[in-house]
Amino acid sequence: MSAGTSSFTEFVRAVSPELLPGHNPPQGGGAEHLTPDATTIVALTFPGGVLLAGDRRATQGNVIANRDMDKIFRTDEFSAVAIAGSAGIGIELARLYQVELEHYEKMEGRPLSLEGKANKLAQMVRGNLGMAMQGFVVVPVLVGYDEVTEEGRVFSYDAVGGRYEERRYHSVGSGSVFAKGSVKKLYRDDLTRTEAVKVALEALYDAADEDSATGGPDLHRKIFPLVDVITEDGHRRLPAEEVERLAVEVVEGRSEHPDGPTARLG
């Protein structure tokens, strides 16, 4: 039972491979409707950091399966991952990735670099290929603060483990086309942290306005997007009260301008 490797995933694969996500894909296909799908995630950088924001809705076909799902996971002090796609497998993958990074640090006495973290997640997504072929696709987004370059960075993935570094911002999930278009018109390189959060909330509002699988701010149930921020000071989840205040500002602004703020010209 000695680990013998800095990779927790490789250790489990050798000892109990049946515990890994995607080890036993269902036979026959067409079963993707059995699991809820996590929907829209937005990531963007700002001077000195990066943030992840996610709506709270999970859907199962045309039914809302969950109204207050958490799709964002702190993976270590300077990184976080969010998932879109098959919710159950995505959550399992994210939690295994948390253990993977912790195991590596314990075995090697130092944390992985941000590049190493991005490559490790790509390997784990590739390990889910059998399930992805059955329709249980998981598409994560990794964000982190790079202590070497002293900047926030964003990495996206495809269903077969392809890894891509995104510049400035990115979005995944069913409402990603609308969210990314919203960020594109509002993004600036000099955004403050609060302004960056507002841009992300505007993007999620636009996604919910166009995509039925994305949940907007629910003022009655007090359900609002989750926002994680990572800077040189480490990972921090914004307090619910702060997100609520900014989300209410967005909703009130939409009462006057339903299509939202527009990009500045000139």
Protein backbone atom coordinates (compact mmCIF):
# COMPACT_ATOMS: atom_id res chain seq x y z
CA MET A 1 0.00 0.00 0.00
CA SER A 2 3.01 2.32 -0.19
CA ALA A 3 2.18 5.10 -2.63
CA GLY A 4 5.54 5.00 -4.42
CA THR A 5 4.46 7.76 -6.79
CA SER A 6 3.68 11.45 -6.55
CA SER A 7 0.51 10.84 -8.58
CA PHE A 8 -2.45 9.83 -6.43
CA THR A 9 -4.38 8.87 -9.57
CA GLU A 10 -1.67 6.42 -10.64
CA PHE A 11 -1.63 4.96 -7.13
CA VAL A 12 -5.39 4.37 -7.18
CA ARG A 13 -5.19 2.97 -10.72
CA ALA A 14 -2.70 0.36 -9.47
CA VAL A 15 -4.51 -0.52 -6.23
CA SER A 16 -8.25 0.01 -6.87
CA PRO A 17 -8.88 1.16 -10.44
CA GLU A 18 -12.64 0.70 -10.05
CA LEU A 19 -12.69 3.78 -7.80
CA LEU A 20 -11.59 6.12 -10.59
CA PRO A 21 -14.14 8.21 -12.52
CA GLY A 22 -14.97 6.63 -15.87
CA HIS A 23 -13.51 3.20 -15.06
CA ASN A 24 -16.76 1.38 -15.88
CA PRO A 25 -18.59 3.26 -18.64
CA PRO A 26 -22.22 2.24 -19.11
CA GLN A 27 -22.98 -0.11 -21.95
CA GLY A 28 -25.23 0.68 -24.86
CA GLY A 29 -25.07 4.50 -24.78
CA GLY A 30 -28.01 6.84 -24.61
CA ALA A 31 -27.83 7.08 -20.80
CA GLU A 32 -26.56 10.65 -20.55
CA HIS A 33 -30.04 11.82 -19.55
CA LEU A 34 -29.67 9.98 -16.24
CA THR A 35 -27.30 12.55 -14.74
CA PRO A 36 -27.88 16.29 -14.17
CA ASP A 37 -25.80 18.71 -16.22
CA ALA A 38 -23.94 21.64 -14.72
CA THR A 39 -24.27 24.70 -16.90
CA THR A 40 -22.49 28.06 -17.24
CA ILE A 41 -19.06 29.08 -15.91
CA VAL A 42 -17.23 32.39 -16.51
CA ALA A 43 -13.51 33.01 -15.87
CA LEU A 44 -11.64 36.27 -16.35
CA THR A 45 -8.38 37.87 -15.31
CA PHE A 46 -7.81 41.29 -13.82
CA PRO A 47 -4.59 43.05 -12.77
CA GLY A 48 -3.08 40.91 -10.04
CA GLY A 49 -5.52 38.03 -10.14
CA VAL A 50 -8.21 35.88 -11.70
CA LEU A 51 -11.79 34.95 -10.83
CA LEU A 52 -14.27 32.14 -11.47
CA ALA A 53 -18.02 32.66 -11.39
CA GLY A 54 -20.72 30.08 -11.89
CA ASP A 55 -24.49 29.98 -11.95
CA ARG A 56 -26.20 27.58 -9.55
CA ARG A 57 -28.56 25.63 -11.80
CA ALA A 58 -28.24 21.99 -12.85
CA THR A 59 -30.65 20.56 -15.40
CA GLN A 60 -31.82 17.07 -16.32
CA GLY A 61 -33.30 17.30 -19.77
CA ASN A 62 -35.98 19.98 -19.61
CA VAL A 63 -36.24 19.75 -15.80
CA ILE A 64 -34.35 21.82 -13.22
CA ALA A 65 -32.55 19.16 -11.18
CA ASN A 66 -30.91 21.50 -8.68
CA ARG A 67 -31.23 25.24 -8.06
CA ASP A 68 -28.23 25.85 -5.80
CA MET A 69 -25.43 23.60 -7.03
CA ASP A 70 -21.79 24.46 -6.32
CA LYS A 71 -19.74 24.03 -9.51
CA ILE A 72 -16.53 25.73 -8.31
CA PHE A 73 -13.87 23.93 -6.27
CA ARG A 74 -10.79 25.29 -4.52
CA THR A 75 -8.00 22.93 -5.55
CA ASP A 76 -5.17 24.52 -3.56
CA GLU A 77 -4.13 27.91 -2.23
CA PHE A 78 -3.52 29.39 -5.69
CA SER A 79 -5.88 27.53 -8.03
CA ALA A 80 -9.52 26.56 -8.51
CA VAL A 81 -11.46 24.47 -10.99
CA ALA A 82 -15.04 24.71 -12.21
CA ILE A 83 -17.01 22.08 -14.10
CA ALA A 84 -19.64 22.06 -16.82
CA GLY A 85 -21.26 18.95 -18.25
CA SER A 86 -22.22 15.76 -16.41
CA ALA A 87 -22.48 16.99 -12.84
CA GLY A 88 -21.82 13.81 -10.89
CA ILE A 89 -18.72 12.84 -12.83
CA GLY A 90 -17.50 16.45 -12.85
CA ILE A 91 -17.75 16.74 -9.07
CA GLU A 92 -15.96 13.42 -8.62
CA LEU A 93 -13.22 14.53 -11.03
CA ALA A 94 -12.78 17.88 -9.24
CA ARG A 95 -12.49 16.25 -5.82
CA LEU A 96 -10.01 13.68 -7.09
CA TYR A 97 -7.99 16.53 -8.58
CA GLN A 98 -7.92 18.26 -5.17
CA VAL A 99 -6.48 15.10 -3.62
CA GLU A 100 -4.06 14.71 -6.54
CA LEU A 101 -2.49 18.13 -5.90
CA GLU A 102 -2.37 17.58 -2.14
CA HIS A 103 -0.77 14.14 -2.59
CA TYR A 104 1.88 15.52 -4.97
CA GLU A 105 2.83 18.26 -2.50
CA LYS A 106 3.15 15.77 0.35
CA MET A 107 5.27 13.36 -1.70
CA GLU A 108 7.51 15.94 -3.37
CA GLY A 109 7.66 18.55 -0.60
CA ARG A 110 6.60 21.32 -2.95
CA PRO A 111 3.46 22.21 -4.93
CA LEU A 112 3.14 21.72 -8.67
CA SER A 113 3.71 24.77 -10.84
CA LEU A 114 0.59 26.21 -12.45
CA GLU A 115 1.69 24.70 -15.77
CA GLY A 116 2.05 21.35 -14.03
CA LYS A 117 -1.42 21.67 -12.50
CA ALA A 118 -2.89 22.42 -15.93
CA ASN A 119 -1.16 19.41 -17.49
CA LYS A 120 -2.23 17.11 -14.64
CA LEU A 121 -5.89 18.07 -15.09
CA ALA A 122 -5.60 17.39 -18.83
CA GLN A 123 -4.44 13.83 -18.06
CA MET A 124 -7.41 13.30 -15.75
CA VAL A 125 -9.92 14.61 -18.29
CA ARG A 126 -8.39 12.28 -20.88
CA GLY A 127 -8.96 9.41 -18.44
CA ASN A 128 -12.70 10.11 -18.70
CA LEU A 129 -12.69 9.55 -22.47
CA GLY A 130 -14.65 6.28 -22.24
CA MET A 131 -17.47 8.03 -20.37
CA ALA A 132 -17.33 11.01 -22.73
CA MET A 133 -17.88 8.67 -25.68
CA GLN A 134 -21.05 7.47 -23.90
CA GLY A 135 -22.29 11.08 -23.60
CA PHE A 136 -21.07 11.79 -20.04
CA VAL A 137 -18.87 14.72 -21.03
CA VAL A 138 -17.10 16.87 -18.43
CA VAL A 139 -15.49 20.15 -19.49
CA PRO A 140 -13.54 21.89 -16.71
CA VAL A 141 -11.96 25.32 -16.46
CA LEU A 142 -8.83 25.80 -14.36
CA VAL A 143 -7.77 29.20 -13.08
CA GLY A 144 -4.80 30.09 -10.94
CA TYR A 145 -2.40 32.77 -9.80
CA ASP A 146 1.05 32.16 -11.25
CA GLU A 147 3.58 33.02 -8.55
CA VAL A 148 6.37 33.18 -11.16
CA THR A 149 4.76 35.64 -13.60
CA GLU A 150 2.63 37.25 -10.85
CA GLU A 151 -0.56 37.15 -12.91
CA GLY A 152 -3.83 35.27 -13.14
CA ARG A 153 -4.15 32.62 -15.86
CA VAL A 154 -7.06 30.65 -17.34
CA PHE A 155 -6.93 27.15 -18.89
CA SER A 156 -9.71 25.43 -20.82
CA TYR A 157 -10.09 21.80 -21.89
CA ASP A 158 -11.94 19.77 -24.46
CA ALA A 159 -13.66 16.44 -23.85
CA VAL A 160 -10.58 14.39 -24.79
CA GLY A 161 -8.14 16.26 -22.54
CA GLY A 162 -6.84 18.91 -24.91
CA ARG A 163 -5.46 21.82 -22.88
CA TYR A 164 -5.58 25.43 -24.03
CA GLU A 165 -4.54 28.64 -22.29
CA GLU A 166 -7.12 31.38 -22.72
CA ARG A 167 -6.26 35.06 -22.86
CA ARG A 168 -8.10 37.41 -20.50
CA TYR A 169 -11.43 35.54 -20.27
CA HIS A 170 -13.32 32.37 -21.14
CA SER A 171 -16.66 30.67 -20.58
CA VAL A 172 -17.93 27.07 -20.77
CA GLY A 173 -21.32 25.42 -20.47
CA SER A 174 -24.67 25.65 -22.19
CA GLY A 175 -24.85 29.43 -21.84
CA SER A 176 -21.18 30.05 -22.67
CA VAL A 177 -21.78 31.63 -26.08
CA PHE A 178 -23.97 34.32 -24.55
CA ALA A 179 -21.76 34.78 -21.48
CA LYS A 180 -18.59 35.13 -23.51
CA GLY A 181 -20.23 37.66 -25.82
CA SER A 182 -21.29 39.66 -22.77
CA VAL A 183 -17.77 39.63 -21.27
CA LYS A 184 -16.29 40.60 -24.64
CA LYS A 185 -18.18 43.89 -24.75
CA LEU A 186 -17.47 44.82 -21.11
CA TYR A 187 -13.92 43.57 -20.50
CA ARG A 188 -11.03 45.97 -19.97
CA ASP A 189 -7.42 45.23 -19.06
CA ASP A 190 -7.60 47.64 -16.11
CA LEU A 191 -10.66 46.23 -14.35
CA THR A 192 -10.63 46.42 -10.57
CA ARG A 193 -11.56 43.27 -8.68
CA THR A 194 -15.07 44.58 -7.99
CA GLU A 195 -15.53 45.63 -11.62
CA ALA A 196 -14.39 42.17 -12.76
CA VAL A 197 -16.99 40.56 -10.49
CA LYS A 198 -19.69 42.84 -11.94
CA VAL A 199 -18.64 41.87 -15.48
CA ALA A 200 -18.92 38.17 -14.57
CA LEU A 201 -22.35 38.68 -13.02
CA GLU A 202 -23.55 40.62 -16.07
CA ALA A 203 -22.31 37.75 -18.25
CA LEU A 204 -24.17 35.14 -16.21
CA TYR A 205 -27.31 37.29 -16.33
CA ASP A 206 -27.05 37.46 -20.13
CA ALA A 207 -26.51 33.69 -20.30
CA ALA A 208 -29.61 33.09 -18.15
CA ASP A 209 -31.57 35.53 -20.31
CA GLU A 210 -30.89 33.46 -23.45
CA ASP A 211 -30.26 29.91 -22.16
CA SER A 212 -32.96 28.09 -20.20
CA ALA A 213 -30.41 25.79 -18.56
CA THR A 214 -28.58 28.69 -16.90
CA GLY A 215 -29.98 30.09 -13.67
CA GLY A 216 -30.00 33.83 -13.05
CA PRO A 217 -29.99 35.56 -9.62
CA ASP A 218 -32.96 34.30 -7.60
CA LEU A 219 -33.90 37.23 -5.35
CA HIS A 220 -36.77 35.39 -3.66
CA ARG A 221 -34.83 32.25 -2.71
CA LYS A 222 -31.61 34.24 -2.09
CA ILE A 223 -29.70 32.08 -4.57
CA PHE A 224 -26.89 33.95 -6.29
CA PRO A 225 -23.86 32.97 -8.38
CA LEU A 226 -20.72 31.78 -6.63
CA VAL A 227 -17.54 33.77 -7.19
CA ASP A 228 -13.99 32.67 -6.30
CA VAL A 229 -11.08 35.12 -6.54
CA ILE A 230 -7.38 34.18 -6.56
CA THR A 231 -4.57 36.73 -6.07
CA GLU A 232 -1.09 36.73 -4.54
CA ASP A 233 -2.87 36.47 -1.19
CA GLY A 234 -4.36 33.12 -2.20
CA HIS A 235 -7.82 31.75 -2.87
CA ARG A 236 -10.92 33.43 -1.48
CA ARG A 237 -14.63 32.82 -2.01
CA LEU A 238 -16.51 36.09 -1.99
CA PRO A 239 -18.97 36.37 0.90
CA ALA A 240 -22.59 35.71 -0.03
CA GLU A 241 -23.54 39.20 1.16
CA GLU A 242 -21.11 40.87 -1.26
CA VAL A 243 -22.24 38.77 -4.22
CA GLU A 244 -25.88 39.44 -3.33
CA ARG A 245 -25.28 43.20 -3.21
CA LEU A 246 -23.58 43.23 -6.61
CA ALA A 247 -26.15 40.86 -8.14
CA VAL A 248 -28.99 43.08 -6.94
CA GLU A 249 -27.24 46.04 -8.61
CA VAL A 250 -27.13 44.06 -11.86
CA VAL A 251 -30.83 43.12 -11.61
CA GLU A 252 -31.86 46.69 -10.80
CA GLY A 253 -29.81 47.97 -13.72
CA ARG A 254 -31.60 45.55 -16.02
CA SER A 255 -34.96 46.97 -14.93
CA GLU A 256 -33.95 50.19 -16.69
CA HIS A 257 -31.86 48.65 -19.47
CA PRO A 258 -33.06 45.07 -20.08
CA ASP A 259 -30.28 44.32 -22.55
CA GLY A 260 -27.61 45.44 -20.11
CA PRO A 261 -24.67 47.83 -20.33
CA THR A 262 -23.04 48.43 -23.70
CA ALA A 263 -19.39 48.66 -24.67
CA ARG A 264 -17.76 52.04 -24.72
CA LEU A 265 -16.84 53.47 -28.13
CA GLY A 266 -13.70 55.43 -28.80
